[in-house]
N, C-alpha and C. Protein backbone atom coordinates (compact mmCIF):
# COMPACT_ATOMS: atom_id res chain seq x y z
N MET A 1 21.78 -15.18 -21.54
CA MET A 1 20.97 -14.70 -20.44
C MET A 1 20.13 -13.53 -20.93
N SER A 2 18.84 -13.57 -20.63
CA SER A 2 17.95 -12.50 -21.08
C SER A 2 17.53 -11.61 -19.92
N VAL A 3 17.15 -10.41 -20.26
CA VAL A 3 16.67 -9.46 -19.27
C VAL A 3 15.15 -9.59 -19.20
N GLU A 4 14.62 -9.74 -18.00
CA GLU A 4 13.18 -9.87 -17.83
C GLU A 4 12.61 -8.60 -17.21
N ALA A 5 11.46 -8.21 -17.69
CA ALA A 5 10.80 -7.01 -17.16
C ALA A 5 10.22 -7.31 -15.78
N LEU A 6 10.31 -6.35 -14.90
CA LEU A 6 9.76 -6.49 -13.56
C LEU A 6 8.57 -5.54 -13.44
N ASN A 7 7.40 -6.09 -13.63
CA ASN A 7 6.17 -5.32 -13.50
C ASN A 7 5.35 -5.91 -12.37
N ARG A 8 5.06 -5.09 -11.39
CA ARG A 8 4.24 -5.55 -10.29
C ARG A 8 2.84 -4.98 -10.46
N THR A 9 1.87 -5.83 -10.28
CA THR A 9 0.49 -5.38 -10.41
C THR A 9 0.07 -4.67 -9.13
N LEU A 10 -1.03 -3.95 -9.20
CA LEU A 10 -1.57 -3.27 -8.03
C LEU A 10 -1.90 -4.27 -6.93
N GLU A 11 -2.42 -5.43 -7.31
CA GLU A 11 -2.74 -6.46 -6.33
C GLU A 11 -1.49 -6.93 -5.59
N GLN A 12 -0.39 -7.11 -6.31
CA GLN A 12 0.86 -7.51 -5.67
C GLN A 12 1.37 -6.42 -4.74
N GLU A 13 1.24 -5.16 -5.14
CA GLU A 13 1.66 -4.04 -4.30
C GLU A 13 0.81 -3.96 -3.03
N LEU A 14 -0.51 -4.19 -3.16
CA LEU A 14 -1.38 -4.19 -1.99
C LEU A 14 -1.02 -5.29 -1.00
N HIS A 15 -0.74 -6.48 -1.52
CA HIS A 15 -0.36 -7.59 -0.65
C HIS A 15 0.97 -7.31 0.05
N ALA A 16 1.91 -6.72 -0.65
CA ALA A 16 3.21 -6.38 -0.04
C ALA A 16 3.02 -5.34 1.06
N LEU A 17 2.16 -4.36 0.83
CA LEU A 17 1.89 -3.34 1.83
C LEU A 17 1.19 -3.95 3.04
N LEU A 18 0.25 -4.84 2.82
CA LEU A 18 -0.50 -5.47 3.90
C LEU A 18 0.38 -6.32 4.80
N ARG A 19 1.29 -7.06 4.22
CA ARG A 19 2.14 -7.94 5.05
C ARG A 19 3.39 -7.23 5.58
N GLY A 20 3.56 -5.95 5.25
CA GLY A 20 4.67 -5.18 5.80
C GLY A 20 5.95 -5.27 4.99
N ALA A 21 5.90 -5.90 3.82
CA ALA A 21 7.08 -6.03 2.98
C ALA A 21 7.39 -4.71 2.26
N SER A 22 6.38 -3.89 2.06
CA SER A 22 6.55 -2.60 1.41
C SER A 22 6.18 -1.51 2.40
N LEU A 23 6.95 -0.45 2.44
CA LEU A 23 6.66 0.68 3.31
C LEU A 23 6.34 1.93 2.50
N GLU A 24 6.01 1.76 1.22
CA GLU A 24 5.79 2.87 0.31
C GLU A 24 4.31 3.07 0.03
N CYS A 25 3.84 4.31 0.14
CA CYS A 25 2.45 4.65 -0.14
C CYS A 25 2.15 4.40 -1.62
N LEU A 26 1.01 3.78 -1.89
CA LEU A 26 0.63 3.50 -3.27
C LEU A 26 0.15 4.74 -4.01
N VAL A 27 -0.19 5.79 -3.28
CA VAL A 27 -0.69 7.02 -3.88
C VAL A 27 0.44 7.99 -4.22
N CYS A 28 1.31 8.27 -3.22
CA CYS A 28 2.32 9.30 -3.44
C CYS A 28 3.76 8.81 -3.35
N GLY A 29 3.99 7.58 -2.86
CA GLY A 29 5.33 7.02 -2.82
C GLY A 29 6.11 7.32 -1.55
N GLU A 30 5.52 8.05 -0.61
CA GLU A 30 6.20 8.35 0.65
C GLU A 30 6.10 7.15 1.60
N PHE A 31 6.84 7.20 2.69
CA PHE A 31 6.78 6.13 3.69
C PHE A 31 5.44 6.15 4.41
N VAL A 32 4.92 4.97 4.74
CA VAL A 32 3.66 4.84 5.45
C VAL A 32 3.90 4.47 6.91
N LEU A 33 2.88 4.68 7.73
CA LEU A 33 2.91 4.31 9.14
C LEU A 33 1.95 3.16 9.37
N HIS A 34 2.40 2.14 10.09
CA HIS A 34 1.56 1.00 10.44
C HIS A 34 1.12 1.18 11.89
N ARG A 35 -0.20 1.33 12.12
CA ARG A 35 -0.73 1.52 13.48
C ARG A 35 -2.04 0.77 13.64
N ALA A 36 -2.08 -0.13 14.59
CA ALA A 36 -3.31 -0.82 15.03
C ALA A 36 -4.19 -1.29 13.87
N GLY A 37 -3.63 -2.04 12.95
CA GLY A 37 -4.41 -2.58 11.84
C GLY A 37 -4.70 -1.60 10.73
N MET A 38 -4.17 -0.40 10.83
CA MET A 38 -4.38 0.60 9.79
C MET A 38 -3.03 1.08 9.28
N ILE A 39 -2.96 1.30 8.00
CA ILE A 39 -1.75 1.82 7.36
C ILE A 39 -2.10 3.21 6.83
N SER A 40 -1.34 4.22 7.23
CA SER A 40 -1.66 5.58 6.79
C SER A 40 -0.41 6.29 6.29
N CYS A 41 -0.64 7.23 5.40
CA CYS A 41 0.44 8.04 4.84
C CYS A 41 0.33 9.45 5.42
N PRO A 42 1.36 9.91 6.12
CA PRO A 42 1.30 11.26 6.69
C PRO A 42 1.39 12.37 5.63
N GLU A 43 1.89 12.05 4.46
CA GLU A 43 2.07 13.05 3.40
C GLU A 43 0.76 13.36 2.67
N CYS A 44 0.10 12.33 2.13
CA CYS A 44 -1.10 12.55 1.33
C CYS A 44 -2.39 12.18 2.06
N GLN A 45 -2.27 11.71 3.32
CA GLN A 45 -3.41 11.34 4.17
C GLN A 45 -4.19 10.13 3.68
N ALA A 46 -3.61 9.32 2.79
CA ALA A 46 -4.26 8.07 2.37
C ALA A 46 -4.26 7.10 3.53
N GLU A 47 -5.35 6.35 3.67
CA GLU A 47 -5.46 5.35 4.73
C GLU A 47 -5.83 4.02 4.10
N PHE A 48 -5.14 2.99 4.51
CA PHE A 48 -5.41 1.64 4.04
C PHE A 48 -5.81 0.82 5.27
N ARG A 49 -7.01 0.25 5.23
CA ARG A 49 -7.51 -0.54 6.35
C ARG A 49 -7.73 -1.96 5.89
N SER A 50 -7.39 -2.89 6.73
CA SER A 50 -7.64 -4.29 6.43
C SER A 50 -9.13 -4.56 6.60
N SER A 51 -9.77 -5.05 5.54
CA SER A 51 -11.21 -5.33 5.62
C SER A 51 -11.47 -6.82 5.56
N GLY A 52 -10.47 -7.61 5.75
CA GLY A 52 -10.60 -9.05 5.72
C GLY A 52 -9.23 -9.67 5.80
N GLU A 53 -9.14 -10.92 5.52
CA GLU A 53 -7.86 -11.61 5.64
C GLU A 53 -6.82 -11.10 4.64
N THR A 54 -7.23 -10.89 3.40
CA THR A 54 -6.27 -10.46 2.38
C THR A 54 -6.74 -9.25 1.60
N ARG A 55 -7.66 -8.47 2.15
CA ARG A 55 -8.17 -7.32 1.42
C ARG A 55 -7.80 -6.03 2.13
N LEU A 56 -7.60 -4.98 1.32
CA LEU A 56 -7.35 -3.64 1.86
C LEU A 56 -8.43 -2.71 1.34
N GLN A 57 -8.77 -1.73 2.12
CA GLN A 57 -9.72 -0.71 1.71
C GLN A 57 -9.01 0.63 1.75
N LEU A 58 -9.07 1.37 0.66
CA LEU A 58 -8.42 2.68 0.58
C LEU A 58 -9.44 3.76 0.91
N THR A 59 -9.08 4.64 1.82
CA THR A 59 -9.91 5.76 2.18
C THR A 59 -9.14 7.04 1.85
N LEU A 60 -9.62 7.80 0.88
CA LEU A 60 -8.91 9.01 0.47
C LEU A 60 -9.93 10.00 -0.09
N GLN A 61 -9.84 11.24 0.31
CA GLN A 61 -10.72 12.27 -0.22
C GLN A 61 -9.92 13.17 -1.14
N ALA A 62 -10.50 13.47 -2.30
CA ALA A 62 -9.85 14.39 -3.23
C ALA A 62 -9.99 15.80 -2.71
N GLY A 63 -8.97 16.60 -3.00
CA GLY A 63 -9.12 17.99 -2.61
C GLY A 63 -8.03 18.51 -1.88
């Protein structure tokens, strides 16, 4: 039996976040809030909005 590496791509992480399988912010790793079609992180203020059937849009300002 061999050990296989578990590497998830950013696209896989985005899909997991969109369908609610992941509750972890992609920016800081904290828990996210799902509200009215928008996913937001209260810690780093990152916002993920659904811009189509399978796409997410990240809104974040540096600073």
